[in-house]
Amino acid sequence: MSLGAHLEELRRRLIRAIVWLVLGTIVAYAFSNELMALIAHPVVEALKSGGTVRGELVATEVGTKFFTALKASVVFGMFLSGPFVLAELWGFVSPGLYPKERRWIVLSAPLSYVLFAAGGVFFYLVVQPVMLTFFIDFGRERPDLIFGLELPVREMIDIGRWFTLWLGMALIMGVIFQLPLLMVGAQLTGLVDARTFAAYRRHFIVGSVIAAAIITPTGDALTLAMTMVPILVLFELGLILCRLLGRRKKESAE
């Protein structure tokens, strides 16, 4: 294909990708009330825990509720349309790839999508409740006793800022769950092999403890383990895959 033909193909693919994104956003916006309820529910439950209502969700600006719902629709619309957008990208780049590269992408792209979704679900079900409880209860000995002083402090959580924090944490967990694929990619490109990963296992354990402590800064061992163990499991899964690939490469070389 000539340069002009390539540019025309790229233009068609981009237009289709944008159409898929718009359609995904429209579908998500049709369920925007359900999406906002999904996002706000953990906060409401955390504020009600202990039998006492300790705060409320607030909107500090006129358009906060609308724009937060719109941003949530865009984010979930991107996730819904992701497979179709990736298919358009694949249709453009696949003719220029070697067969081995095509096989790797065909196998890794769906797995990456699933792992990213699993990271978001893990944050929502495991990390988020612990994080909310810690921050809402921090310094609170009883509803009217904060930092040892009798202060009538109520939590007023802005729904727009909470969504930004919620989205950022979900994205972080989604990226963390890509660990096995990153390890396999390093193995395939020759940057790092399975033996190197195994040699630095203890360093990774220390790093996972630090990461878990940052993600869930509650200080108790149970919460730390709930976050750290999945990270270690992902590391071990990546290590197993790297060893299998290394063994297969050695056998094919013989």
C-alpha atoms as a PDB file:
ATOM      1  CA  MET A   1       0.000   0.000   0.000  1.00  0.00           C
ATOM      2  CA  SER A   2       1.124   3.538  -0.733  1.00  0.00           C
ATOM      3  CA  LEU A   3       1.463   6.174   1.972  1.00  0.00           C
ATOM      4  CA  GLY A   4      -1.797   7.752   0.861  1.00  0.00           C
ATOM      5  CA  ALA A   5      -3.595   4.399   1.087  1.00  0.00           C
ATOM      6  CA  HIS A   6      -2.185   3.854   4.578  1.00  0.00           C
ATOM      7  CA  LEU A   7      -3.382   7.272   5.700  1.00  0.00           C
ATOM      8  CA  GLU A   8      -6.827   6.633   4.227  1.00  0.00           C
ATOM      9  CA  GLU A   9      -7.025   3.281   6.027  1.00  0.00           C
ATOM     10  CA  LEU A  10      -5.937   4.950   9.273  1.00  0.00           C
ATOM     11  CA  ARG A  11      -8.622   7.623   8.834  1.00  0.00           C
ATOM     12  CA  ARG A  12     -11.328   4.996   8.335  1.00  0.00           C
ATOM     13  CA  ARG A  13     -10.184   3.017  11.362  1.00  0.00           C
ATOM     14  CA  LEU A  14     -10.074   6.135  13.563  1.00  0.00           C
ATOM     15  CA  ILE A  15     -13.579   7.156  12.516  1.00  0.00           C
ATOM     16  CA  ARG A  16     -14.902   3.685  13.312  1.00  0.00           C
ATOM     17  CA  ALA A  17     -13.103   3.665  16.669  1.00  0.00           C
ATOM     18  CA  ILE A  18     -14.613   7.057  17.564  1.00  0.00           C
ATOM     19  CA  VAL A  19     -18.065   5.785  16.563  1.00  0.00           C
ATOM     20  CA  TRP A  20     -17.631   2.744  18.841  1.00  0.00           C
ATOM     21  CA  LEU A  21     -16.537   5.023  21.701  1.00  0.00           C
ATOM     22  CA  VAL A  22     -19.548   7.284  21.209  1.00  0.00           C
ATOM     23  CA  LEU A  23     -21.926   4.317  21.076  1.00  0.00           C
ATOM     24  CA  GLY A  24     -20.382   2.837  24.228  1.00  0.00           C
ATOM     25  CA  THR A  25     -20.735   6.170  26.022  1.00  0.00           C
ATOM     26  CA  ILE A  26     -24.383   6.484  24.938  1.00  0.00           C
ATOM     27  CA  VAL A  27     -25.163   2.997  26.217  1.00  0.00           C
ATOM     28  CA  ALA A  28     -23.380   3.713  29.504  1.00  0.00           C
ATOM     29  CA  TYR A  29     -25.174   7.061  29.879  1.00  0.00           C
ATOM     30  CA  ALA A  30     -28.508   5.287  29.483  1.00  0.00           C
ATOM     31  CA  PHE A  31     -27.585   3.514  32.732  1.00  0.00           C
ATOM     32  CA  SER A  32     -25.926   6.529  34.366  1.00  0.00           C
ATOM     33  CA  ASN A  33     -28.191   6.376  37.429  1.00  0.00           C
ATOM     34  CA  GLU A  34     -27.197   2.759  38.023  1.00  0.00           C
ATOM     35  CA  LEU A  35     -23.523   3.606  37.470  1.00  0.00           C
ATOM     36  CA  MET A  36     -23.615   6.483  39.951  1.00  0.00           C
ATOM     37  CA  ALA A  37     -25.428   4.294  42.470  1.00  0.00           C
ATOM     38  CA  LEU A  38     -22.704   1.681  42.012  1.00  0.00           C
ATOM     39  CA  ILE A  39     -19.997   4.276  42.630  1.00  0.00           C
ATOM     40  CA  ALA A  40     -21.716   5.999  45.547  1.00  0.00           C
ATOM     41  CA  HIS A  41     -23.050   2.905  47.353  1.00  0.00           C
ATOM     42  CA  PRO A  42     -19.787   1.973  49.160  1.00  0.00           C
ATOM     43  CA  VAL A  43     -19.405   5.540  50.450  1.00  0.00           C
ATOM     44  CA  VAL A  44     -22.969   5.654  51.740  1.00  0.00           C
ATOM     45  CA  GLU A  45     -22.566   2.292  53.453  1.00  0.00           C
ATOM     46  CA  ALA A  46     -19.280   3.368  55.058  1.00  0.00           C
ATOM     47  CA  LEU A  47     -20.872   6.576  56.351  1.00  0.00           C
ATOM     48  CA  LYS A  48     -23.710   4.526  57.878  1.00  0.00           C
ATOM     49  CA  SER A  49     -21.536   1.835  59.474  1.00  0.00           C
ATOM     50  CA  GLY A  50     -21.742   1.457  63.228  1.00  0.00           C
ATOM     51  CA  GLY A  51     -25.424   2.419  63.333  1.00  0.00           C
ATOM     52  CA  THR A  52     -24.658   6.149  63.179  1.00  0.00           C
ATOM     53  CA  VAL A  53     -24.794   8.361  60.099  1.00  0.00           C
ATOM     54  CA  ARG A  54     -21.458  10.148  60.230  1.00  0.00           C
ATOM     55  CA  GLY A  55     -21.622  12.199  57.065  1.00  0.00           C
ATOM     56  CA  GLU A  56     -23.099  12.654  53.620  1.00  0.00           C
ATOM     57  CA  LEU A  57     -22.308  12.905  49.945  1.00  0.00           C
ATOM     58  CA  VAL A  58     -22.331  16.477  48.689  1.00  0.00           C
ATOM     59  CA  ALA A  59     -22.072  18.313  45.384  1.00  0.00           C
ATOM     60  CA  THR A  60     -20.072  21.500  45.912  1.00  0.00           C
ATOM     61  CA  GLU A  61     -20.739  23.018  42.474  1.00  0.00           C
ATOM     62  CA  VAL A  62     -23.833  23.468  40.319  1.00  0.00           C
ATOM     63  CA  GLY A  63     -22.862  20.942  37.623  1.00  0.00           C
ATOM     64  CA  THR A  64     -21.043  18.410  39.802  1.00  0.00           C
ATOM     65  CA  LYS A  65     -23.690  15.687  39.596  1.00  0.00           C
ATOM     66  CA  PHE A  66     -24.159  15.997  35.835  1.00  0.00           C
ATOM     67  CA  PHE A  67     -20.486  16.137  34.920  1.00  0.00           C
ATOM     68  CA  THR A  68     -19.623  13.298  37.281  1.00  0.00           C
ATOM     69  CA  ALA A  69     -22.328  11.138  35.701  1.00  0.00           C
ATOM     70  CA  LEU A  70     -21.054  12.135  32.258  1.00  0.00           C
ATOM     71  CA  LYS A  71     -17.448  11.263  33.146  1.00  0.00           C
ATOM     72  CA  ALA A  72     -18.575   7.931  34.565  1.00  0.00           C
ATOM     73  CA  SER A  73     -20.481   7.235  31.345  1.00  0.00           C
ATOM     74  CA  VAL A  74     -17.407   8.041  29.246  1.00  0.00           C
ATOM     75  CA  VAL A  75     -15.176   5.790  31.358  1.00  0.00           C
ATOM     76  CA  PHE A  76     -17.556   2.843  31.321  1.00  0.00           C
ATOM     77  CA  GLY A  77     -18.305   3.515  27.649  1.00  0.00           C
ATOM     78  CA  MET A  78     -14.593   3.220  26.888  1.00  0.00           C
ATOM     79  CA  PHE A  79     -14.526  -0.090  28.695  1.00  0.00           C
ATOM     80  CA  LEU A  80     -17.609  -1.373  26.840  1.00  0.00           C
ATOM     81  CA  SER A  81     -16.285  -0.317  23.448  1.00  0.00           C
ATOM     82  CA  GLY A  82     -12.713  -1.412  24.205  1.00  0.00           C
ATOM     83  CA  PRO A  83     -12.854  -4.743  22.305  1.00  0.00           C
ATOM     84  CA  PHE A  84     -14.271  -3.042  19.191  1.00  0.00           C
ATOM     85  CA  VAL A  85     -11.731  -0.212  19.313  1.00  0.00           C
ATOM     86  CA  LEU A  86      -8.909  -2.722  19.749  1.00  0.00           C
ATOM     87  CA  ALA A  87     -10.291  -4.692  16.803  1.00  0.00           C
ATOM     88  CA  GLU A  88      -9.996  -1.572  14.635  1.00  0.00           C
ATOM     89  CA  LEU A  89      -6.443  -1.010  15.855  1.00  0.00           C
ATOM     90  CA  TRP A  90      -5.641  -4.660  15.182  1.00  0.00           C
ATOM     91  CA  GLY A  91      -7.051  -4.432  11.670  1.00  0.00           C
ATOM     92  CA  PHE A  92      -4.665  -1.561  10.926  1.00  0.00           C
ATOM     93  CA  VAL A  93      -1.420  -2.890  12.432  1.00  0.00           C
ATOM     94  CA  SER A  94      -1.759  -6.671  11.889  1.00  0.00           C
ATOM     95  CA  PRO A  95      -0.702  -6.668   8.204  1.00  0.00           C
ATOM     96  CA  GLY A  96       2.697  -5.286   9.226  1.00  0.00           C
ATOM     97  CA  LEU A  97       3.399  -7.867  11.940  1.00  0.00           C
ATOM     98  CA  TYR A  98       5.253 -11.153  11.809  1.00  0.00           C
ATOM     99  CA  PRO A  99       3.226 -14.334  12.467  1.00  0.00           C
ATOM    100  CA  LYS A 100       4.835 -14.781  15.893  1.00  0.00           C
ATOM    101  CA  GLU A 101       3.971 -11.201  16.864  1.00  0.00           C
ATOM    102  CA  ARG A 102       0.385 -11.727  15.701  1.00  0.00           C
ATOM    103  CA  ARG A 103       0.009 -14.863  17.805  1.00  0.00           C
ATOM    104  CA  TRP A 104       1.359 -13.079  20.882  1.00  0.00           C
ATOM    105  CA  ILE A 105      -1.020 -10.139  20.511  1.00  0.00           C
ATOM    106  CA  VAL A 106      -4.026 -12.361  19.790  1.00  0.00           C
ATOM    107  CA  LEU A 107      -3.328 -14.291  22.996  1.00  0.00           C
ATOM    108  CA  SER A 108      -2.296 -11.401  25.239  1.00  0.00           C
ATOM    109  CA  ALA A 109      -4.853  -8.720  24.321  1.00  0.00           C
ATOM    110  CA  PRO A 110      -7.963 -10.580  25.621  1.00  0.00           C
ATOM    111  CA  LEU A 111      -6.051 -11.709  28.707  1.00  0.00           C
ATOM    112  CA  SER A 112      -4.917  -8.137  29.373  1.00  0.00           C
ATOM    113  CA  TYR A 113      -8.513  -6.934  29.105  1.00  0.00           C
ATOM    114  CA  VAL A 114      -9.711  -9.589  31.569  1.00  0.00           C
ATOM    115  CA  LEU A 115      -6.863  -8.909  34.003  1.00  0.00           C
ATOM    116  CA  PHE A 116      -7.556  -5.172  33.913  1.00  0.00           C
ATOM    117  CA  ALA A 117     -11.234  -5.783  34.673  1.00  0.00           C
ATOM    118  CA  ALA A 118     -10.252  -8.188  37.465  1.00  0.00           C
ATOM    119  CA  GLY A 119      -8.054  -5.481  38.992  1.00  0.00           C
ATOM    120  CA  GLY A 120     -10.951  -3.032  38.999  1.00  0.00           C
ATOM    121  CA  VAL A 121     -13.291  -5.591  40.561  1.00  0.00           C
ATOM    122  CA  PHE A 122     -10.664  -6.431  43.193  1.00  0.00           C
ATOM    123  CA  PHE A 123     -10.399  -2.765  44.127  1.00  0.00           C
ATOM    124  CA  TYR A 124     -14.174  -2.389  44.327  1.00  0.00           C
ATOM    125  CA  LEU A 125     -14.821  -5.485  46.433  1.00  0.00           C
ATOM    126  CA  VAL A 126     -11.681  -5.729  48.593  1.00  0.00           C
ATOM    127  CA  VAL A 127      -9.599  -2.550  48.680  1.00  0.00           C
ATOM    128  CA  GLN A 128     -12.340   0.093  48.548  1.00  0.00           C
ATOM    129  CA  PRO A 129     -14.313  -0.902  51.706  1.00  0.00           C
ATOM    130  CA  VAL A 130     -11.123  -1.062  53.759  1.00  0.00           C
ATOM    131  CA  MET A 131      -9.883   2.264  52.414  1.00  0.00           C
ATOM    132  CA  LEU A 132     -13.178   4.016  53.133  1.00  0.00           C
ATOM    133  CA  THR A 133     -13.438   2.613  56.652  1.00  0.00           C
ATOM    134  CA  PHE A 134      -9.897   3.698  57.454  1.00  0.00           C
ATOM    135  CA  PHE A 135     -10.269   7.275  56.226  1.00  0.00           C
ATOM    136  CA  ILE A 136     -13.729   7.829  57.718  1.00  0.00           C
ATOM    137  CA  ASP A 137     -12.770   6.339  61.104  1.00  0.00           C
ATOM    138  CA  PHE A 138      -9.327   7.948  61.258  1.00  0.00           C
ATOM    139  CA  GLY A 139      -8.943   9.876  64.511  1.00  0.00           C
ATOM    140  CA  ARG A 140     -12.511   9.040  65.570  1.00  0.00           C
ATOM    141  CA  GLU A 141     -12.974   7.357  68.958  1.00  0.00           C
ATOM    142  CA  ARG A 142     -16.735   7.884  68.951  1.00  0.00           C
ATOM    143  CA  PRO A 143     -19.105   9.946  66.770  1.00  0.00           C
ATOM    144  CA  ASP A 144     -18.491  13.166  68.709  1.00  0.00           C
ATOM    145  CA  LEU A 145     -14.861  12.537  69.755  1.00  0.00           C
ATOM    146  CA  ILE A 146     -12.259  13.356  67.107  1.00  0.00           C
ATOM    147  CA  PHE A 147      -8.539  13.356  67.907  1.00  0.00           C
ATOM    148  CA  GLY A 148      -9.418  13.194  71.603  1.00  0.00           C
ATOM    149  CA  LEU A 149     -11.524  16.354  71.424  1.00  0.00           C
ATOM    150  CA  GLU A 150     -15.290  16.647  71.504  1.00  0.00           C
ATOM    151  CA  LEU A 151     -15.811  17.950  67.997  1.00  0.00           C
ATOM    152  CA  PRO A 152     -19.000  17.545  65.949  1.00  0.00           C
ATOM    153  CA  VAL A 153     -17.103  16.561  62.795  1.00  0.00           C
ATOM    154  CA  ARG A 154     -19.192  15.154  59.940  1.00  0.00           C
ATOM    155  CA  GLU A 155     -17.748  13.757  56.757  1.00  0.00           C
ATOM    156  CA  MET A 156     -18.826  15.756  53.696  1.00  0.00           C
ATOM    157  CA  ILE A 157     -17.544  13.841  50.673  1.00  0.00           C
ATOM    158  CA  ASP A 158     -17.792  15.619  47.345  1.00  0.00           C
ATOM    159  CA  ILE A 159     -19.087  13.109  44.815  1.00  0.00           C
ATOM    160  CA  GLY A 160     -16.979  14.544  41.990  1.00  0.00           C
ATOM    161  CA  ARG A 161     -13.722  14.274  43.910  1.00  0.00           C
ATOM    162  CA  TRP A 162     -14.675  10.838  45.171  1.00  0.00           C
ATOM    163  CA  PHE A 163     -15.200   9.631  41.603  1.00  0.00           C
ATOM    164  CA  THR A 164     -11.760  10.955  40.624  1.00  0.00           C
ATOM    165  CA  LEU A 165     -10.152   9.076  43.528  1.00  0.00           C
ATOM    166  CA  TRP A 166     -12.253   5.980  42.806  1.00  0.00           C
ATOM    167  CA  LEU A 167     -11.259   5.966  39.139  1.00  0.00           C
ATOM    168  CA  GLY A 168      -7.582   6.517  39.895  1.00  0.00           C
ATOM    169  CA  MET A 169      -7.432   3.641  42.385  1.00  0.00           C
ATOM    170  CA  ALA A 170      -9.324   1.309  40.033  1.00  0.00           C
ATOM    171  CA  LEU A 171      -6.876   2.150  37.227  1.00  0.00           C
ATOM    172  CA  ILE A 172      -3.902   1.499  39.513  1.00  0.00           C
ATOM    173  CA  MET A 173      -5.235  -1.938  40.451  1.00  0.00           C
ATOM    174  CA  GLY A 174      -5.975  -2.690  36.802  1.00  0.00           C
ATOM    175  CA  VAL A 175      -2.368  -1.874  35.889  1.00  0.00           C
ATOM    176  CA  ILE A 176      -1.018  -3.945  38.801  1.00  0.00           C
ATOM    177  CA  PHE A 177      -2.988  -6.931  37.552  1.00  0.00           C
ATOM    178  CA  GLN A 178      -1.077  -6.703  34.237  1.00  0.00           C
ATOM    179  CA  LEU A 179       2.011  -8.000  36.042  1.00  0.00           C
ATOM    180  CA  PRO A 180       2.012 -11.544  34.531  1.00  0.00           C
ATOM    181  CA  LEU A 181       1.799 -10.151  31.004  1.00  0.00           C
ATOM    182  CA  LEU A 182       4.602  -7.661  31.679  1.00  0.00           C
ATOM    183  CA  MET A 183       6.791 -10.468  32.953  1.00  0.00           C
ATOM    184  CA  VAL A 184       6.043 -12.646  29.922  1.00  0.00           C
ATOM    185  CA  GLY A 185       6.756  -9.699  27.622  1.00  0.00           C
ATOM    186  CA  ALA A 186      10.122  -9.164  29.315  1.00  0.00           C
ATOM    187  CA  GLN A 187      10.873 -12.873  28.876  1.00  0.00           C
ATOM    188  CA  LEU A 188       9.959 -12.886  25.189  1.00  0.00           C
ATOM    189  CA  THR A 189      11.996  -9.771  24.397  1.00  0.00           C
ATOM    190  CA  GLY A 190      15.020 -11.122  26.265  1.00  0.00           C
ATOM    191  CA  LEU A 191      15.170  -8.264  28.765  1.00  0.00           C
ATOM    192  CA  VAL A 192      14.673 -10.496  31.819  1.00  0.00           C
ATOM    193  CA  ASP A 193      14.359 -14.264  32.125  1.00  0.00           C
ATOM    194  CA  ALA A 194      12.664 -16.536  34.646  1.00  0.00           C
ATOM    195  CA  ARG A 195      15.864 -17.122  36.606  1.00  0.00           C
ATOM    196  CA  THR A 196      16.308 -13.395  37.175  1.00  0.00           C
ATOM    197  CA  PHE A 197      12.707 -13.047  38.342  1.00  0.00           C
ATOM    198  CA  ALA A 198      13.184 -15.979  40.726  1.00  0.00           C
ATOM    199  CA  ALA A 199      16.449 -14.536  42.060  1.00  0.00           C
ATOM    200  CA  TYR A 200      14.712 -11.274  42.950  1.00  0.00           C
ATOM    201  CA  ARG A 201      11.627 -12.908  44.500  1.00  0.00           C
ATOM    202  CA  ARG A 202      12.471 -11.679  48.000  1.00  0.00           C
ATOM    203  CA  HIS A 203      12.912  -8.135  46.721  1.00  0.00           C
ATOM    204  CA  PHE A 204       9.538  -8.367  45.027  1.00  0.00           C
ATOM    205  CA  ILE A 205       7.911  -9.587  48.262  1.00  0.00           C
ATOM    206  CA  VAL A 206       9.258  -6.521  50.077  1.00  0.00           C
ATOM    207  CA  GLY A 207       8.048  -4.317  47.232  1.00  0.00           C
ATOM    208  CA  SER A 208       4.582  -5.894  47.322  1.00  0.00           C
ATOM    209  CA  VAL A 209       4.364  -5.222  51.078  1.00  0.00           C
ATOM    210  CA  ILE A 210       5.226  -1.564  50.469  1.00  0.00           C
ATOM    211  CA  ALA A 211       2.725  -1.330  47.592  1.00  0.00           C
ATOM    212  CA  ALA A 212      -0.017  -2.959  49.677  1.00  0.00           C
ATOM    213  CA  ALA A 213       0.702  -0.592  52.581  1.00  0.00           C
ATOM    214  CA  ILE A 214       0.379   2.407  50.256  1.00  0.00           C
ATOM    215  CA  ILE A 215      -2.836   1.149  48.629  1.00  0.00           C
ATOM    216  CA  THR A 216      -4.487   0.239  51.960  1.00  0.00           C
ATOM    217  CA  PRO A 217      -2.853   2.373  54.691  1.00  0.00           C
ATOM    218  CA  THR A 218      -4.812   0.821  57.562  1.00  0.00           C
ATOM    219  CA  GLY A 219      -1.922  -0.692  59.501  1.00  0.00           C
ATOM    220  CA  ASP A 220      -3.558  -4.054  60.312  1.00  0.00           C
ATOM    221  CA  ALA A 221      -1.978  -7.284  59.084  1.00  0.00           C
ATOM    222  CA  LEU A 222      -5.197  -8.805  57.697  1.00  0.00           C
ATOM    223  CA  THR A 223      -5.898  -5.908  55.342  1.00  0.00           C
ATOM    224  CA  LEU A 224      -2.258  -5.801  54.278  1.00  0.00           C
ATOM    225  CA  ALA A 225      -2.354  -9.525  53.470  1.00  0.00           C
ATOM    226  CA  MET A 226      -5.631  -9.192  51.536  1.00  0.00           C
ATOM    227  CA  THR A 227      -3.925  -6.769  49.173  1.00  0.00           C
ATOM    228  CA  MET A 228      -0.433  -8.266  49.149  1.00  0.00           C
ATOM    229  CA  VAL A 229      -1.377 -11.916  48.499  1.00  0.00           C
ATOM    230  CA  PRO A 230      -3.049 -11.285  45.105  1.00  0.00           C
ATOM    231  CA  ILE A 231       0.019  -9.324  43.973  1.00  0.00           C
ATOM    232  CA  LEU A 232       2.282 -12.217  44.974  1.00  0.00           C
ATOM    233  CA  VAL A 233      -0.037 -14.692  43.238  1.00  0.00           C
ATOM    234  CA  LEU A 234       0.202 -12.623  40.056  1.00  0.00           C
ATOM    235  CA  PHE A 235       3.989 -12.613  40.343  1.00  0.00           C
ATOM    236  CA  GLU A 236       4.119 -16.379  40.771  1.00  0.00           C
ATOM    237  CA  LEU A 237       1.746 -16.843  37.828  1.00  0.00           C
ATOM    238  CA  GLY A 238       4.006 -14.696  35.675  1.00  0.00           C
ATOM    239  CA  LEU A 239       7.037 -16.647  36.856  1.00  0.00           C
ATOM    240  CA  ILE A 240       5.403 -19.975  35.927  1.00  0.00           C
ATOM    241  CA  LEU A 241       4.537 -18.656  32.465  1.00  0.00           C
ATOM    242  CA  CYS A 242       8.091 -17.370  31.977  1.00  0.00           C
ATOM    243  CA  ARG A 243       9.528 -20.759  32.941  1.00  0.00           C
ATOM    244  CA  LEU A 244       7.194 -22.561  30.546  1.00  0.00           C
ATOM    245  CA  LEU A 245       8.181 -20.218  27.724  1.00  0.00           C
ATOM    246  CA  GLY A 246      11.870 -20.618  28.517  1.00  0.00           C
ATOM    247  CA  ARG A 247      11.539 -24.401  28.544  1.00  0.00           C
ATOM    248  CA  ARG A 248       9.652 -24.392  25.258  1.00  0.00           C
ATOM    249  CA  LYS A 249      12.259 -22.145  23.642  1.00  0.00           C
ATOM    250  CA  LYS A 250      15.058 -24.428  24.824  1.00  0.00           C
ATOM    251  CA  GLU A 251      13.314 -27.525  23.483  1.00  0.00           C
ATOM    252  CA  SER A 252      12.693 -25.899  20.091  1.00  0.00           C
ATOM    253  CA  ALA A 253      16.354 -24.869  19.913  1.00  0.00           C
ATOM    254  CA  GLU A 254      17.437 -28.479  20.474  1.00  0.00           C
END
